[in-house]
Protein backbone atom coordinates (compact mmCIF):
# COMPACT_ATOMS: atom_id res chain seq x y z
CA UNK A 1 15.58 -11.24 15.05
CA UNK A 2 13.52 -8.58 16.80
CA UNK A 3 13.67 -5.32 14.92
CA UNK A 4 13.60 -1.99 16.73
CA UNK A 5 12.56 0.29 13.88
CA UNK A 6 11.34 -1.53 10.76
CA UNK A 7 7.93 -3.20 10.55
CA UNK A 8 6.11 -4.81 7.64
CA UNK A 9 6.16 -1.57 5.63
CA UNK A 10 9.19 0.45 6.64
CA UNK A 11 9.28 2.52 9.82
CA UNK A 12 6.02 3.93 11.10
CA UNK A 13 4.70 5.63 14.21
CA UNK A 14 3.18 8.75 15.73
CA UNK A 15 4.96 11.87 14.50
CA UNK A 16 7.44 13.39 16.97
CA UNK A 17 7.33 10.26 19.12
CA UNK A 18 9.80 7.38 18.92
CA UNK A 19 10.54 6.02 16.40
CA UNK A 20 9.08 8.71 14.13
CA UNK A 21 11.31 11.55 15.31
CA UNK A 22 13.72 13.89 13.57
CA UNK A 23 16.75 12.24 15.15
CA UNK A 24 15.67 8.78 14.01
CA UNK A 25 15.05 10.13 10.50
CA UNK A 26 18.55 11.65 10.54
CA UNK A 27 20.01 8.29 11.58
CA UNK A 28 18.02 6.46 8.88
CA UNK A 29 19.44 8.81 6.28
CA UNK A 30 22.97 8.27 7.50
CA UNK A 31 22.68 4.49 7.89
CA UNK A 32 20.77 3.86 4.67
CA UNK A 33 23.04 6.24 2.78
CA UNK A 34 26.12 4.39 4.04
CA UNK A 35 24.55 1.01 3.23
CA UNK A 36 23.88 2.03 -0.37
CA UNK A 37 27.17 3.82 -1.00
CA UNK A 38 28.76 1.25 -3.24
CA UNK A 39 31.49 2.19 -5.71
CA UNK A 40 33.21 5.43 -6.59
CA UNK A 41 30.38 7.18 -8.45
CA UNK A 42 28.39 10.13 -7.12
CA UNK A 43 25.57 8.53 -5.11
CA UNK A 44 22.00 9.83 -5.18
CA UNK A 45 18.72 9.33 -3.36
CA UNK A 46 15.25 10.54 -4.35
CA UNK A 47 12.85 11.56 -1.55
CA UNK A 48 9.08 11.96 -1.89
CA UNK A 49 6.35 12.48 0.65
CA UNK A 50 2.60 12.70 1.13
CA UNK A 51 0.74 15.71 2.53
CA UNK A 52 1.08 15.23 6.30
CA UNK A 53 2.22 18.17 8.39
CA UNK A 54 5.04 16.09 9.88
CA UNK A 55 6.55 15.61 6.43
CA UNK A 56 8.06 19.07 6.91
CA UNK A 57 10.01 17.66 9.87
CA UNK A 58 10.97 14.25 8.50
CA UNK A 59 12.03 15.39 5.02
CA UNK A 60 14.81 17.81 6.08
CA UNK A 61 16.06 15.39 8.75
CA UNK A 62 16.42 12.59 6.19
CA UNK A 63 18.00 15.04 3.74
CA UNK A 64 20.59 16.09 6.32
CA UNK A 65 21.37 12.45 7.07
CA UNK A 66 22.01 11.55 3.45
CA UNK A 67 24.03 14.71 2.75
CA UNK A 68 26.18 14.07 5.82
CA UNK A 69 27.33 10.71 4.43
CA UNK A 70 28.08 12.18 1.01
CA UNK A 71 24.91 11.33 -0.88
CA UNK A 72 23.17 13.81 -3.18
CA UNK A 73 19.43 14.26 -2.59
CA UNK A 74 16.70 14.83 -5.17
CA UNK A 75 13.49 16.16 -3.62
CA UNK A 76 10.20 15.64 -5.49
CA UNK A 77 7.63 16.83 -2.92
CA UNK A 78 4.15 15.29 -2.60
CA UNK A 79 3.94 12.30 -4.96
CA UNK A 80 2.52 8.76 -4.69
CA UNK A 81 4.72 6.01 -3.29
CA UNK A 82 4.84 4.20 -6.68
CA UNK A 83 6.05 7.43 -8.28
CA UNK A 84 9.06 7.42 -5.96
CA UNK A 85 9.75 3.78 -6.86
CA UNK A 86 9.53 4.65 -10.56
CA UNK A 87 11.74 7.74 -10.25
CA UNK A 88 14.36 5.80 -8.28
CA UNK A 89 14.90 3.64 -11.36
CA UNK A 90 14.33 6.36 -13.95
CA UNK A 91 16.85 8.73 -12.35
CA UNK A 92 19.37 5.90 -11.79
CA UNK A 93 19.37 6.63 -8.07
CA UNK A 94 20.98 4.37 -5.51
CA UNK A 95 18.03 4.63 -3.14
CA UNK A 96 14.46 5.91 -2.97
CA UNK A 97 12.58 7.14 0.11
CA UNK A 98 8.88 7.78 0.62
CA UNK A 99 7.73 9.68 3.70
CA UNK A 100 4.22 8.43 4.39
CA UNK A 101 2.07 6.45 6.78
CA UNK A 102 -0.13 5.32 3.90
CA UNK A 103 -3.73 4.91 5.10
CA UNK A 104 -3.07 6.00 8.70
CA UNK A 105 -4.37 9.32 10.15
CA UNK A 106 -2.32 12.50 9.87
CA UNK A 107 -0.81 12.07 13.36
CA UNK A 108 1.26 9.15 12.07
CA UNK A 109 4.08 9.13 9.56
CA UNK A 110 6.50 6.63 8.13
CA UNK A 111 9.63 6.03 6.09
CA UNK A 112 9.62 3.53 3.21
CA UNK A 113 12.86 2.67 1.42
CA UNK A 114 13.38 1.41 -2.14
CA UNK A 115 16.52 -0.06 -3.62
CA UNK A 116 18.01 1.07 -6.95
CA UNK A 117 15.77 -1.45 -8.73
CA UNK A 118 12.63 0.29 -7.39
CA UNK A 119 11.67 -2.58 -5.10
CA UNK A 120 11.16 -2.32 -1.34
CA UNK A 121 14.10 -3.51 0.71
CA UNK A 122 14.35 -7.06 2.01
CA UNK A 123 14.30 -7.92 5.71
CA UNK A 124 18.03 -8.63 5.50
CA UNK A 125 18.90 -5.19 4.12
CA UNK A 126 16.65 -3.47 6.66
CA UNK A 127 18.43 -5.42 9.41
CA UNK A 128 21.79 -4.17 8.17
CA UNK A 129 20.51 -0.57 8.19
CA UNK A 130 19.26 -1.03 11.76
CA UNK A 131 22.67 -2.38 12.77
CA UNK A 132 24.32 0.73 11.35
CA UNK A 133 21.82 2.94 13.20
CA UNK A 134 22.77 1.23 16.46
CA UNK A 135 26.49 1.56 15.81
CA UNK A 136 28.84 4.51 15.81
CA UNK A 137 27.26 6.95 13.36
CA UNK A 138 30.35 9.15 13.53
CA UNK A 139 32.25 6.56 11.51
CA UNK A 140 29.81 6.97 8.59
CA UNK A 141 30.02 10.72 7.99
CA UNK A 142 31.81 12.21 5.00
CA UNK A 143 34.69 14.65 5.01
CA UNK A 144 33.70 18.32 4.55
CA UNK A 145 34.65 18.27 0.87
CA UNK A 146 32.63 15.07 0.26
CA UNK A 147 29.26 16.26 1.55
CA UNK A 148 26.22 15.78 -0.69
CA UNK A 149 23.92 18.39 -2.18
CA UNK A 150 20.14 18.72 -2.38
CA UNK A 151 18.15 19.73 -5.46
CA UNK A 152 14.44 19.83 -6.25
CA UNK A 153 13.11 18.04 -9.34
CA UNK A 154 10.53 20.46 -10.69
CA UNK A 155 8.96 18.19 -13.33
CA UNK A 156 8.51 15.07 -11.17
CA UNK A 157 4.71 15.31 -11.31
CA UNK A 158 4.70 15.49 -15.10
CA UNK A 159 7.10 12.56 -15.42
CA UNK A 160 4.88 10.33 -13.32
CA UNK A 161 1.69 11.41 -15.11
CA UNK A 162 3.18 10.41 -18.48
CA UNK A 163 4.46 7.13 -17.06
CA UNK A 164 1.01 6.19 -15.77
CA UNK A 165 -0.80 7.23 -18.95
CA UNK A 166 1.52 5.03 -21.01
CA UNK A 167 0.17 1.95 -19.18
CA UNK A 168 -3.32 2.56 -20.62
CA UNK A 169 -3.98 0.51 -23.78
CA UNK A 170 -3.13 2.35 -26.96
CA UNK A 171 -6.21 3.22 -29.02
CA UNK A 172 -8.48 3.52 -25.97
CA UNK A 173 -9.67 6.72 -24.34
CA UNK A 174 -11.96 7.57 -21.46
CA UNK A 175 -14.07 9.87 -23.63
CA UNK A 176 -17.68 9.93 -22.46
CA UNK A 177 -16.95 8.38 -19.05
CA UNK A 178 -17.80 10.16 -15.84
CA UNK A 179 -15.52 9.12 -13.00
CA UNK A 180 -15.44 10.03 -9.33
CA UNK A 181 -11.93 9.88 -7.86
CA UNK A 182 -11.22 10.33 -4.14
CA UNK A 183 -7.57 11.23 -3.54
CA UNK A 184 -7.83 11.14 0.29
CA UNK A 185 -6.28 14.63 0.52
CA UNK A 186 -3.07 12.72 -0.05
CA UNK A 187 -0.13 12.30 -2.37
CA UNK A 188 -2.19 11.84 -5.57
CA UNK A 189 -4.31 14.97 -5.17
CA UNK A 190 -2.75 16.51 -8.28
CA UNK A 191 -1.77 13.56 -10.43
CA UNK A 192 -4.90 11.36 -10.25
CA UNK A 193 -7.47 13.87 -11.58
CA UNK A 194 -4.96 15.03 -14.20
CA UNK A 195 -4.32 11.53 -15.56
CA UNK A 196 -8.03 10.80 -15.87
CA UNK A 197 -8.83 14.14 -17.51
CA UNK A 198 -5.97 13.87 -19.98
CA UNK A 199 -7.30 10.46 -21.05
CA UNK A 200 -10.68 12.04 -21.76
CA UNK A 201 -12.81 11.44 -18.68
CA UNK A 202 -15.16 13.85 -16.98
CA UNK A 203 -13.79 13.88 -13.44
CA UNK A 204 -15.47 14.60 -10.13
CA UNK A 205 -12.50 14.98 -7.79
CA UNK A 206 -12.79 14.46 -4.02
CA UNK A 207 -10.10 14.76 -1.36
CA UNK A 208 -7.96 17.23 -3.33
CA UNK A 209 -7.54 20.00 -0.74
CA UNK A 210 -4.83 18.78 1.66
CA UNK A 211 -4.08 20.97 4.65
CA UNK A 212 -1.62 18.76 6.51
CA UNK A 213 -4.28 17.42 8.86
CA UNK A 214 -7.06 15.93 6.71
CA UNK A 215 -5.25 13.11 4.91
CA UNK A 216 -7.44 9.94 4.98
CA UNK A 217 -9.98 11.68 7.23
CA UNK A 218 -13.45 10.38 6.28
CA UNK A 219 -12.25 9.85 2.72
CA UNK A 220 -10.10 7.67 0.51
CA UNK A 221 -9.82 3.90 0.33
CA UNK A 222 -10.36 3.41 4.06
CA UNK A 223 -13.61 5.40 3.95
CA UNK A 224 -15.05 4.70 0.48
CA UNK A 225 -18.56 5.73 1.50
CA UNK A 226 -17.85 9.30 0.36
CA UNK A 227 -16.90 8.10 -3.11
CA UNK A 228 -19.82 5.68 -3.31
CA UNK A 229 -22.30 8.42 -2.40
CA UNK A 230 -20.94 10.80 -5.04
CA UNK A 231 -21.03 8.16 -7.78
CA UNK A 232 -24.75 7.72 -7.26
CA UNK A 233 -25.39 11.45 -6.89
CA UNK A 234 -23.55 12.32 -10.12
CA UNK A 235 -24.72 9.22 -12.04
CA UNK A 236 -21.07 8.40 -12.67
CA UNK A 237 -19.82 5.31 -14.47
CA UNK A 238 -17.30 4.35 -11.80
CA UNK A 239 -15.76 5.50 -8.55
CA UNK A 240 -12.10 5.24 -7.54
CA UNK A 241 -10.68 5.76 -4.06
CA UNK A 242 -6.98 5.95 -3.27
CA UNK A 243 -5.25 6.03 0.10
CA UNK A 244 -2.88 8.66 1.44
CA UNK A 245 0.14 7.58 -0.62
CA UNK A 246 -1.90 6.22 -3.56
CA UNK A 247 -0.50 2.70 -3.54
CA UNK A 248 -3.98 1.33 -2.76
CA UNK A 249 -7.17 1.36 -4.78
CA UNK A 250 -10.74 0.40 -4.07
CA UNK A 251 -13.57 1.21 -6.46
CA UNK A 252 -17.31 1.13 -6.83
CA UNK A 253 -19.62 0.44 -9.76
CA UNK A 254 -22.25 2.77 -11.18
CA UNK A 255 -24.70 1.60 -8.51
CA UNK A 256 -22.37 2.68 -5.71
CA UNK A 257 -21.51 -0.91 -4.76
CA UNK A 258 -17.99 -1.42 -3.42
CA UNK A 259 -15.33 -3.28 -5.40
CA UNK A 260 -12.45 -4.23 -3.11
CA UNK A 261 -8.96 -5.39 -4.04
CA UNK A 262 -10.06 -9.00 -4.45
CA UNK A 263 -12.70 -8.10 -7.04
CA UNK A 264 -10.27 -5.84 -8.88
CA UNK A 265 -7.57 -8.52 -8.94
CA UNK A 266 -10.10 -11.00 -10.32
CA UNK A 267 -10.98 -8.58 -13.11
CA UNK A 268 -7.40 -7.71 -14.12
CA UNK A 269 -6.14 -11.28 -13.83
CA UNK A 270 -9.07 -12.62 -15.85
CA UNK A 271 -8.36 -10.19 -18.68
CA UNK A 272 -4.69 -11.14 -18.76
CA UNK A 273 -5.54 -14.85 -18.56
CA UNK A 274 -7.83 -14.64 -21.58
CA UNK A 275 -5.11 -12.82 -23.49
CA UNK A 276 -2.52 -15.43 -22.53
CA UNK A 277 -0.55 -12.84 -20.58
CA UNK A 278 -1.07 -14.00 -16.96
CA UNK A 279 2.32 -15.38 -15.96
CA UNK A 280 2.03 -18.89 -14.57
CA UNK A 281 -1.76 -18.54 -14.64
CA UNK A 282 -1.31 -17.48 -11.03
CA UNK A 283 -2.34 -14.58 -8.81
CA UNK A 284 -0.44 -13.89 -5.58
CA UNK A 285 -2.47 -12.58 -2.64
CA UNK A 286 -2.28 -12.67 1.15
CA UNK A 287 -4.01 -14.79 3.73
CA UNK A 288 -6.61 -12.02 4.04
CA UNK A 289 -8.02 -12.44 0.52
CA UNK A 290 -11.50 -13.89 0.32
CA UNK A 291 -12.06 -17.59 -0.29
CA UNK A 292 -14.48 -16.54 -3.02
CA UNK A 293 -11.57 -15.12 -5.03
CA UNK A 294 -9.65 -18.36 -4.76
CA UNK A 295 -12.61 -20.45 -5.93
CA UNK A 296 -13.42 -18.02 -8.78
CA UNK A 297 -9.86 -18.16 -10.11
CA UNK A 298 -9.80 -21.95 -9.83
CA UNK A 299 -13.02 -22.21 -11.85
CA UNK A 300 -11.25 -20.43 -14.72
CA UNK A 301 -8.06 -22.47 -14.53
CA UNK A 302 -6.05 -20.03 -12.45
CA UNK A 303 -4.27 -20.54 -9.14
CA UNK A 304 -4.18 -18.31 -6.06
CA UNK A 305 -0.99 -18.37 -4.01
CA UNK A 306 -1.11 -16.82 -0.54
CA UNK A 307 1.59 -15.02 1.45
CA UNK A 308 1.69 -13.41 4.87
CA UNK A 309 0.08 -9.97 5.13
CA UNK A 310 2.03 -7.15 3.54
CA UNK A 311 2.37 -6.13 -0.09
CA UNK A 312 6.15 -6.52 0.12
CA UNK A 313 5.70 -10.26 0.70
CA UNK A 314 3.37 -10.46 -2.27
CA UNK A 315 6.00 -8.74 -4.41
CA UNK A 316 8.74 -11.04 -3.12
CA UNK A 317 6.76 -14.12 -4.16
CA UNK A 318 5.93 -12.58 -7.53
CA UNK A 319 9.62 -11.93 -8.18
CA UNK A 320 10.67 -15.39 -7.03
CA UNK A 321 8.29 -17.18 -9.40
CA UNK A 322 8.00 -14.62 -12.20
CA UNK A 323 4.29 -13.89 -11.62
CA UNK A 324 2.91 -10.56 -12.85
CA UNK A 325 -0.31 -10.02 -10.84
CA UNK A 326 -0.68 -9.87 -7.09
CA UNK A 327 -2.15 -7.79 -4.31
CA UNK A 328 -4.19 -7.46 -1.18
CA UNK A 329 -7.88 -7.29 -0.42
CA UNK A 330 -7.23 -3.81 1.02
CA UNK A 331 -6.40 -2.53 -2.46
CA UNK A 332 -2.67 -2.94 -2.97
CA UNK A 333 -2.56 -4.26 -6.52
CA UNK A 334 0.83 -5.02 -8.01
CA UNK A 335 1.01 -5.30 -11.79
CA UNK A 336 4.53 -6.49 -12.46
CA UNK A 337 4.42 -5.65 -16.15
CA UNK A 338 4.27 -1.96 -15.23
CA UNK A 339 5.44 -1.30 -11.66
CA UNK A 340 7.57 -2.61 -8.81
CA UNK A 341 5.05 -1.87 -6.08
CA UNK A 342 1.33 -1.31 -5.61
CA UNK A 343 0.11 1.55 -7.78
CA UNK A 344 -3.49 2.68 -7.32
CA UNK A 345 -3.55 4.77 -10.47
CA UNK A 346 -2.12 2.10 -12.77
CA UNK A 347 -4.56 -0.44 -11.32
CA UNK A 348 -7.41 2.03 -11.87
CA UNK A 349 -6.50 2.41 -15.54
CA UNK A 350 -6.53 -1.37 -16.04
CA UNK A 351 -9.99 -1.54 -14.46
CA UNK A 352 -11.21 1.32 -16.65
CA UNK A 353 -9.72 -0.31 -19.74
CA UNK A 354 -11.64 -3.51 -18.98
CA UNK A 355 -14.88 -1.54 -18.73
CA UNK A 356 -14.18 0.26 -22.01
CA UNK A 357 -13.27 -2.91 -23.87
CA UNK A 358 -16.37 -4.74 -22.63
CA UNK A 359 -18.62 -1.75 -23.36
CA UNK A 360 -20.72 -2.75 -20.35
CA UNK A 361 -21.46 -1.13 -16.97
CA UNK A 362 -18.93 -1.72 -14.22
CA UNK A 363 -21.52 -3.72 -12.25
CA UNK A 364 -21.47 -6.33 -15.04
CA UNK A 365 -17.74 -6.22 -15.71
CA UNK A 366 -16.07 -5.93 -12.32
CA UNK A 367 -18.24 -7.95 -9.93
CA UNK A 368 -17.06 -11.44 -10.77
CA UNK A 369 -17.68 -13.55 -7.66
CA UNK A 370 -19.77 -13.58 -4.53
CA UNK A 371 -17.50 -13.19 -1.50
CA UNK A 372 -17.77 -15.59 1.39
CA UNK A 373 -18.98 -13.83 4.54
CA UNK A 374 -15.90 -12.41 6.21
CA UNK A 375 -15.59 -10.45 9.43
CA UNK A 376 -12.55 -8.55 10.65
CA UNK A 377 -12.30 -6.81 14.01
CA UNK A 378 -9.35 -5.05 15.63
CA UNK A 379 -8.38 -4.90 19.29
CA UNK A 380 -5.95 -2.20 20.42
CA UNK A 381 -3.37 -3.10 23.03
CA UNK A 382 -0.72 -1.05 24.82
CA UNK A 383 1.87 -3.65 25.66
CA UNK A 384 2.66 -7.27 26.31
CA UNK A 385 1.85 -10.27 24.11
CA UNK A 386 -1.93 -10.83 24.24
CA UNK A 387 -1.77 -13.75 21.81
CA UNK A 388 0.48 -15.68 24.20
CA UNK A 389 -2.15 -15.70 26.95
CA UNK A 390 -3.70 -19.11 27.69
CA UNK A 391 -7.25 -17.70 27.73
CA UNK A 392 -6.78 -16.21 24.27
CA UNK A 393 -5.19 -19.40 22.96
CA UNK A 394 -8.17 -21.39 24.23
CA UNK A 395 -10.63 -19.02 22.54
CA UNK A 396 -8.72 -19.40 19.27
CA UNK A 397 -8.74 -23.20 19.51
CA UNK A 398 -12.49 -23.18 20.17
CA UNK A 399 -13.03 -20.91 17.15
CA UNK A 400 -10.98 -23.15 14.88
CA UNK A 401 -12.97 -26.16 15.99
CA UNK A 402 -16.29 -24.45 15.23
CA UNK A 403 -15.13 -23.44 11.73
CA UNK A 404 -13.41 -26.72 10.88
CA UNK A 405 -14.22 -27.68 7.30
CA UNK A 406 -16.56 -24.70 6.80
CA UNK A 407 -14.29 -21.68 7.02
CA UNK A 408 -11.00 -20.31 8.23
CA UNK A 409 -9.68 -18.17 11.05
CA UNK A 410 -6.78 -15.71 11.00
CA UNK A 411 -5.42 -13.85 14.03
CA UNK A 412 -2.34 -11.65 13.75
CA UNK A 413 -0.63 -8.59 15.11
CA UNK A 414 -0.64 -5.58 12.83
CA UNK A 415 2.77 -4.70 11.50
CA UNK A 416 2.00 -0.97 11.45
CA UNK A 417 -0.25 -0.30 14.47
CA UNK A 418 -0.63 -1.68 18.05
CA UNK A 419 -3.58 -3.85 17.03
CA UNK A 420 -4.56 -7.49 17.12
CA UNK A 421 -6.55 -8.32 13.99
CA UNK A 422 -9.13 -11.09 14.25
CA UNK A 423 -10.63 -12.35 11.00
CA UNK A 424 -12.99 -15.27 10.32
CA UNK A 425 -14.50 -16.39 7.05
CA UNK A 426 -17.04 -19.05 6.16
CA UNK A 427 -20.43 -19.93 4.79
CA UNK A 428 -22.32 -19.35 8.06
CA UNK A 429 -22.31 -15.60 8.77
CA UNK A 430 -23.81 -15.96 12.24
CA UNK A 431 -21.19 -18.52 13.19
CA UNK A 432 -18.23 -16.39 12.11
CA UNK A 433 -19.71 -13.46 14.04
CA UNK A 434 -19.80 -15.51 17.24
CA UNK A 435 -16.30 -16.85 16.70
CA UNK A 436 -14.80 -13.39 16.12
CA UNK A 437 -16.67 -11.83 19.05
CA UNK A 438 -15.50 -14.56 21.44
CA UNK A 439 -11.86 -14.13 20.46
CA UNK A 440 -12.05 -10.33 20.47
CA UNK A 441 -13.54 -10.43 23.97
CA UNK A 442 -10.75 -12.69 25.20
CA UNK A 443 -8.02 -10.48 23.69
CA UNK A 444 -9.70 -7.31 25.04
CA UNK A 445 -9.77 -8.73 28.57
CA UNK A 446 -6.09 -9.57 28.45
CA UNK A 447 -5.17 -6.25 26.80
CA UNK A 448 -7.20 -4.36 29.35
CA UNK A 449 -5.55 -6.19 32.23
CA UNK A 450 -2.11 -5.39 30.82
CA UNK A 451 -2.84 -1.70 30.25
């Protein structure tokens, strides 16, 4: 079924353009509120957001939608996505909403929905919400005496800070550690430095002055160079970089060398495996994770299971099989013992705990395998189906033939942006470069012709 609004991570688009408009947000509130009105109790939804200017438009529109169908709204302001998931459960809400476009620039925004269990909604539930949005909204609204109310939860930040700190091993502190943390001018700009300081670290905080426009701009997990530079300049022990809604984490060691999600998953999973706490001796990752991770885990008696791209699909597989570690190379790391979704801060504390317990530099603790050469390039398109073109299909077949037995090729449409992503991986770096360039050129020609 083709979906009009929902992609791989909720609804996302350019602010004030379809589908990220106030009227769509109003309809989402009404449709989702009606979908999750079950039983005779007073129904509630918690709404959080990141620091984008357009949050001031989307938040009241969603609030009006929920109130109009009789649902009470709890507003928590700028907080990480995983905080909203946690509060949805903690407050016994029927629904949770995060207003964010994650790692995208400020011009974009998005709406992510969580069920009462704190997990992102399934495709089936999202389809039902879309069906309600396309139907007669007037049939959903409440009578005047049944309208909801809105309140602001003043201590939401403090609740989340304590929740995160309680995931750090008892008996450990960060005393004596110097840590650079880049909050991307996003949702964690208050909570991340506070958590680290309260655990004893000396903190150099970057990206903590949001102005509505600078979220993810030359900072955060999509631009870790800022963090890496500051780690070296301050002689810090470790660097941490979050994205705009703080559900992603990448790091760097004391030498300023990048540690992506694959390296961090290897570290956390290895620690749990040695302690006998890695469920099923399995890590769940996506097709984008490096072959080096898979081989490293196998050498230690662990298995890597792969899903399609999107942290929600990783979580779904984890829940199906009872696994407790999963994530994406991009930095979504899901630790099922603590959280229902990717949580950059909780993942950071597990990485820091591993460094403290080993009493060794991060370069010796967290760099556990040599990645296979991997190249990813994106091609923007404005319409049509470039991957259905015969010229593009031929270029893909040729690439697969060249890599046969020595690597792998992955081509997919982004679920959040109008991009075709072309990734190749293998032992021969020059070969994967040629393969990717040939396919990118073919897609670009078709995209250009269709524009």
